[in-house]
């Protein structure tokens, strides 16, 4: 269970590391499989993207294992193959600016 510091949320400091983790958890809970061919994750400059190592740590904290190489897609998403907590192999499409799960196949 991830605890949310609501005082930080109210003051606009929510997108710290813990805030990013909450965002990923929310997306993991509600994401459905979609075709990622048309998916556009962000228009932000690559200089604002999270380092792949940080995204990998976030995924590990949310129970993903066997995390493959994190690469950029044509739609400005991070794409990575990983195994979920049931052992199923998934392809994850993540917003590279905050690690939010945009789609999962």
N, C-alpha and C. Protein backbone atom coordinates (compact mmCIF):
# COMPACT_ATOMS: atom_id res chain seq x y z
N UNK A 1 0.85 -1.18 0.00
CA UNK A 1 0.00 0.00 0.00
C UNK A 1 0.89 1.24 0.00
N UNK A 2 0.58 2.17 -0.84
CA UNK A 2 1.34 3.41 -0.93
C UNK A 2 0.58 4.50 -0.20
N UNK A 3 1.25 5.18 0.71
CA UNK A 3 0.63 6.27 1.45
C UNK A 3 0.81 7.57 0.68
N UNK A 4 -0.23 8.36 0.63
CA UNK A 4 -0.18 9.65 -0.05
C UNK A 4 -0.10 10.75 0.99
N UNK A 5 0.85 11.64 0.83
CA UNK A 5 0.97 12.80 1.69
C UNK A 5 0.03 13.87 1.14
N UNK A 6 -1.18 13.95 1.67
CA UNK A 6 -2.19 14.86 1.12
C UNK A 6 -1.81 16.32 1.29
N UNK A 7 -1.02 16.65 2.30
CA UNK A 7 -0.57 18.04 2.45
C UNK A 7 0.29 18.43 1.25
N UNK A 8 1.19 17.55 0.81
CA UNK A 8 2.00 17.82 -0.37
C UNK A 8 1.12 17.92 -1.61
N UNK A 9 0.10 17.08 -1.67
CA UNK A 9 -0.81 17.10 -2.81
C UNK A 9 -1.50 18.47 -2.91
N UNK A 10 -1.94 18.99 -1.79
CA UNK A 10 -2.63 20.28 -1.79
C UNK A 10 -1.69 21.43 -2.12
N UNK A 11 -0.42 21.29 -1.80
CA UNK A 11 0.51 22.39 -2.04
C UNK A 11 1.20 22.27 -3.40
N UNK A 12 0.80 21.28 -4.21
CA UNK A 12 1.34 21.17 -5.56
C UNK A 12 2.68 20.46 -5.64
N UNK A 13 3.10 19.81 -4.58
CA UNK A 13 4.37 19.09 -4.59
C UNK A 13 4.15 17.60 -4.76
N UNK A 14 3.06 17.22 -5.39
CA UNK A 14 2.66 15.82 -5.48
C UNK A 14 3.54 15.00 -6.39
N UNK A 15 4.16 15.58 -7.41
CA UNK A 15 4.90 14.77 -8.37
C UNK A 15 6.36 14.55 -7.96
N UNK A 16 6.55 14.25 -6.71
CA UNK A 16 7.85 13.80 -6.23
C UNK A 16 7.95 12.33 -6.61
N UNK A 17 8.99 11.67 -6.19
CA UNK A 17 9.13 10.24 -6.48
C UNK A 17 7.92 9.48 -5.96
N UNK A 18 7.48 9.77 -4.73
CA UNK A 18 6.32 9.05 -4.20
C UNK A 18 5.07 9.41 -5.01
N UNK A 19 4.99 10.63 -5.47
CA UNK A 19 3.86 11.00 -6.32
C UNK A 19 3.87 10.26 -7.64
N UNK A 20 5.05 10.09 -8.21
CA UNK A 20 5.17 9.32 -9.45
C UNK A 20 4.76 7.87 -9.22
N UNK A 21 5.17 7.33 -8.07
CA UNK A 21 4.80 5.95 -7.76
C UNK A 21 3.29 5.81 -7.64
N UNK A 22 2.65 6.78 -7.02
CA UNK A 22 1.19 6.75 -6.91
C UNK A 22 0.57 6.82 -8.31
N UNK A 23 1.11 7.67 -9.17
CA UNK A 23 0.59 7.79 -10.53
C UNK A 23 0.70 6.46 -11.27
N UNK A 24 1.84 5.79 -11.13
CA UNK A 24 2.01 4.50 -11.77
C UNK A 24 1.02 3.49 -11.21
N UNK A 25 0.84 3.49 -9.90
CA UNK A 25 -0.08 2.55 -9.27
C UNK A 25 -1.50 2.77 -9.76
N UNK A 26 -1.90 4.00 -9.90
CA UNK A 26 -3.25 4.31 -10.39
C UNK A 26 -3.41 3.81 -11.81
N UNK A 27 -2.41 4.10 -12.63
CA UNK A 27 -2.49 3.63 -14.03
C UNK A 27 -2.48 2.12 -14.11
N UNK A 28 -1.69 1.45 -13.27
CA UNK A 28 -1.66 -0.01 -13.28
C UNK A 28 -3.02 -0.58 -12.90
N UNK A 29 -3.69 0.07 -11.99
CA UNK A 29 -4.99 -0.42 -11.54
C UNK A 29 -6.07 -0.29 -12.60
N UNK A 30 -5.99 0.73 -13.45
CA UNK A 30 -7.06 1.00 -14.40
C UNK A 30 -6.70 0.80 -15.87
N UNK A 31 -5.46 0.46 -16.16
CA UNK A 31 -5.03 0.33 -17.56
C UNK A 31 -5.65 -0.91 -18.20
N UNK A 32 -5.99 -0.79 -19.45
CA UNK A 32 -6.47 -1.92 -20.22
C UNK A 32 -5.59 -2.07 -21.44
N UNK A 33 -5.62 -3.25 -22.02
CA UNK A 33 -4.80 -3.49 -23.21
C UNK A 33 -5.33 -2.65 -24.37
N UNK A 34 -4.44 -1.99 -25.05
CA UNK A 34 -4.81 -1.18 -26.21
C UNK A 34 -3.78 -1.41 -27.30
N UNK A 35 -4.12 -1.01 -28.49
CA UNK A 35 -3.14 -1.05 -29.56
C UNK A 35 -2.30 0.21 -29.45
N UNK A 36 -1.02 0.04 -29.34
CA UNK A 36 -0.14 1.16 -29.07
C UNK A 36 0.36 1.85 -30.33
N UNK A 37 -0.10 1.41 -31.49
CA UNK A 37 0.40 1.99 -32.74
C UNK A 37 0.13 3.49 -32.82
N UNK A 38 -1.00 3.94 -32.31
CA UNK A 38 -1.36 5.35 -32.37
C UNK A 38 -1.12 6.09 -31.06
N UNK A 39 -0.52 5.44 -30.11
CA UNK A 39 -0.35 6.02 -28.78
C UNK A 39 0.71 7.12 -28.79
N UNK A 40 0.35 8.28 -28.27
CA UNK A 40 1.28 9.39 -28.07
C UNK A 40 1.32 9.66 -26.58
N UNK A 41 2.47 9.43 -25.96
CA UNK A 41 2.57 9.58 -24.50
C UNK A 41 2.88 11.00 -24.06
N UNK A 42 3.70 11.71 -24.81
CA UNK A 42 4.08 13.06 -24.39
C UNK A 42 4.60 13.86 -25.58
N UNK A 43 4.51 15.16 -25.45
CA UNK A 43 5.13 16.06 -26.42
C UNK A 43 6.33 16.77 -25.78
N UNK A 44 6.64 16.38 -24.55
CA UNK A 44 7.74 17.03 -23.81
C UNK A 44 9.09 16.69 -24.43
N UNK A 45 10.01 17.60 -24.31
CA UNK A 45 11.37 17.40 -24.80
C UNK A 45 12.03 16.23 -24.06
N UNK A 46 12.87 15.49 -24.77
CA UNK A 46 13.54 14.34 -24.15
C UNK A 46 14.40 14.75 -22.95
N UNK A 47 14.82 15.98 -22.91
CA UNK A 47 15.62 16.44 -21.77
C UNK A 47 14.82 16.42 -20.46
N UNK A 48 13.49 16.37 -20.54
CA UNK A 48 12.64 16.33 -19.35
C UNK A 48 12.24 14.91 -18.96
N UNK A 49 12.63 13.92 -19.74
CA UNK A 49 12.26 12.54 -19.48
C UNK A 49 13.04 11.97 -18.30
N UNK A 50 12.42 11.05 -17.58
CA UNK A 50 13.09 10.35 -16.49
C UNK A 50 14.16 9.43 -17.07
N UNK A 51 15.24 9.21 -16.33
CA UNK A 51 16.23 8.24 -16.78
C UNK A 51 15.63 6.83 -16.76
N UNK A 52 15.96 6.00 -17.74
CA UNK A 52 15.43 4.62 -17.75
C UNK A 52 15.68 3.86 -16.45
N UNK A 53 16.81 4.09 -15.80
CA UNK A 53 17.11 3.40 -14.53
C UNK A 53 16.07 3.74 -13.46
N UNK A 54 15.61 4.98 -13.43
CA UNK A 54 14.60 5.38 -12.45
C UNK A 54 13.26 4.71 -12.77
N UNK A 55 12.91 4.64 -14.05
CA UNK A 55 11.68 3.98 -14.46
C UNK A 55 11.73 2.50 -14.09
N UNK A 56 12.88 1.87 -14.30
CA UNK A 56 13.05 0.46 -13.94
C UNK A 56 12.82 0.26 -12.44
N UNK A 57 13.38 1.14 -11.62
CA UNK A 57 13.18 1.04 -10.16
C UNK A 57 11.70 1.17 -9.81
N UNK A 58 11.01 2.08 -10.47
CA UNK A 58 9.58 2.27 -10.21
C UNK A 58 8.80 0.99 -10.55
N UNK A 59 9.12 0.38 -11.68
CA UNK A 59 8.44 -0.84 -12.08
C UNK A 59 8.71 -1.97 -11.09
N UNK A 60 9.94 -2.09 -10.65
CA UNK A 60 10.29 -3.12 -9.66
C UNK A 60 9.52 -2.91 -8.37
N UNK A 61 9.35 -1.67 -7.95
CA UNK A 61 8.61 -1.37 -6.72
C UNK A 61 7.13 -1.71 -6.85
N UNK A 62 6.65 -1.82 -8.09
CA UNK A 62 5.25 -2.17 -8.31
C UNK A 62 5.07 -3.63 -8.70
N UNK A 63 6.10 -4.44 -8.44
CA UNK A 63 5.96 -5.87 -8.59
C UNK A 63 6.33 -6.44 -9.94
N UNK A 64 6.83 -5.65 -10.85
CA UNK A 64 7.26 -6.18 -12.14
C UNK A 64 8.65 -6.76 -12.01
N UNK A 65 8.90 -7.83 -12.75
CA UNK A 65 10.21 -8.47 -12.76
C UNK A 65 10.65 -8.72 -14.18
N UNK A 66 11.83 -9.29 -14.33
CA UNK A 66 12.38 -9.59 -15.65
C UNK A 66 12.19 -8.41 -16.61
N UNK A 67 12.55 -7.24 -16.15
CA UNK A 67 12.35 -6.01 -16.90
C UNK A 67 13.41 -5.91 -17.99
N UNK A 68 12.93 -5.80 -19.22
CA UNK A 68 13.84 -5.70 -20.36
C UNK A 68 14.37 -4.29 -20.55
N UNK A 69 15.03 -4.09 -21.68
CA UNK A 69 15.57 -2.77 -22.00
C UNK A 69 14.42 -1.78 -22.22
N UNK A 70 14.58 -0.61 -21.67
CA UNK A 70 13.59 0.45 -21.82
C UNK A 70 14.01 1.30 -23.01
N UNK A 71 13.12 1.39 -23.99
CA UNK A 71 13.45 2.14 -25.21
C UNK A 71 12.33 3.13 -25.53
N UNK A 72 12.66 4.12 -26.33
CA UNK A 72 11.69 5.13 -26.74
C UNK A 72 10.97 4.65 -28.00
N UNK A 73 9.66 4.92 -28.08
CA UNK A 73 8.87 4.58 -29.26
C UNK A 73 8.70 5.81 -30.14
N UNK A 74 8.11 5.60 -31.31
CA UNK A 74 7.83 6.73 -32.21
C UNK A 74 6.81 7.70 -31.60
N UNK A 75 5.99 7.21 -30.68
CA UNK A 75 4.98 8.04 -30.05
C UNK A 75 5.46 8.70 -28.77
N UNK A 76 6.77 8.79 -28.60
CA UNK A 76 7.35 9.40 -27.40
C UNK A 76 6.89 8.71 -26.12
N UNK A 77 6.88 7.40 -26.15
CA UNK A 77 6.61 6.57 -24.97
C UNK A 77 7.88 5.79 -24.65
N UNK A 78 8.01 5.40 -23.39
CA UNK A 78 8.98 4.37 -23.06
C UNK A 78 8.24 3.05 -23.24
N UNK A 79 8.88 2.11 -23.91
CA UNK A 79 8.31 0.78 -24.13
C UNK A 79 9.25 -0.23 -23.49
N UNK A 80 8.66 -1.15 -22.73
CA UNK A 80 9.48 -2.15 -22.04
C UNK A 80 8.67 -3.43 -21.86
N UNK A 81 9.34 -4.56 -21.98
CA UNK A 81 8.73 -5.84 -21.66
C UNK A 81 9.08 -6.19 -20.22
N UNK A 82 8.08 -6.70 -19.50
CA UNK A 82 8.30 -7.08 -18.11
C UNK A 82 7.29 -8.17 -17.74
N UNK A 83 7.58 -8.86 -16.67
CA UNK A 83 6.70 -9.90 -16.15
C UNK A 83 5.92 -9.32 -14.98
N UNK A 84 4.57 -9.49 -15.01
CA UNK A 84 3.76 -8.96 -13.90
C UNK A 84 3.78 -9.93 -12.73
N UNK A 85 3.03 -9.62 -11.69
CA UNK A 85 3.07 -10.42 -10.46
C UNK A 85 2.44 -11.79 -10.61
N UNK A 86 1.74 -12.05 -11.73
CA UNK A 86 1.18 -13.37 -11.99
C UNK A 86 2.10 -14.22 -12.85
N UNK A 87 3.20 -13.62 -13.31
CA UNK A 87 4.14 -14.32 -14.17
C UNK A 87 3.88 -14.13 -15.65
N UNK A 88 2.86 -13.33 -15.99
CA UNK A 88 2.54 -13.07 -17.39
C UNK A 88 3.48 -12.02 -17.97
N UNK A 89 3.93 -12.26 -19.17
CA UNK A 89 4.83 -11.32 -19.86
C UNK A 89 3.97 -10.22 -20.47
N UNK A 90 4.30 -8.97 -20.22
CA UNK A 90 3.54 -7.81 -20.69
C UNK A 90 4.46 -6.85 -21.44
N UNK A 91 3.87 -6.09 -22.34
CA UNK A 91 4.55 -4.96 -22.96
C UNK A 91 3.92 -3.71 -22.36
N UNK A 92 4.74 -2.87 -21.74
CA UNK A 92 4.26 -1.67 -21.07
C UNK A 92 4.64 -0.44 -21.87
N UNK A 93 3.71 0.50 -21.97
CA UNK A 93 3.95 1.79 -22.62
C UNK A 93 3.81 2.84 -21.54
N UNK A 94 4.90 3.55 -21.26
CA UNK A 94 4.95 4.48 -20.14
C UNK A 94 5.20 5.90 -20.61
N UNK A 95 4.59 6.85 -19.91
CA UNK A 95 4.90 8.26 -20.15
C UNK A 95 6.31 8.50 -19.59
N UNK A 96 7.24 8.90 -20.44
CA UNK A 96 8.63 9.03 -19.98
C UNK A 96 8.87 10.22 -19.05
N UNK A 97 7.91 11.13 -18.93
CA UNK A 97 8.11 12.29 -18.07
C UNK A 97 7.79 11.99 -16.61
N UNK A 98 6.91 11.01 -16.36
CA UNK A 98 6.54 10.70 -14.97
C UNK A 98 6.39 9.22 -14.68
N UNK A 99 6.57 8.37 -15.68
CA UNK A 99 6.48 6.92 -15.47
C UNK A 99 5.07 6.38 -15.47
N UNK A 100 4.06 7.20 -15.76
CA UNK A 100 2.68 6.73 -15.74
C UNK A 100 2.45 5.69 -16.83
N UNK A 101 1.74 4.63 -16.50
CA UNK A 101 1.40 3.59 -17.46
C UNK A 101 0.32 4.10 -18.39
N UNK A 102 0.63 4.11 -19.68
CA UNK A 102 -0.32 4.60 -20.68
C UNK A 102 -1.09 3.46 -21.34
N UNK A 103 -0.46 2.31 -21.49
CA UNK A 103 -1.10 1.13 -22.09
C UNK A 103 -0.29 -0.10 -21.72
N UNK A 104 -0.98 -1.25 -21.80
CA UNK A 104 -0.32 -2.52 -21.50
C UNK A 104 -0.89 -3.57 -22.42
N UNK A 105 -0.02 -4.35 -23.02
CA UNK A 105 -0.46 -5.46 -23.89
C UNK A 105 0.05 -6.76 -23.33
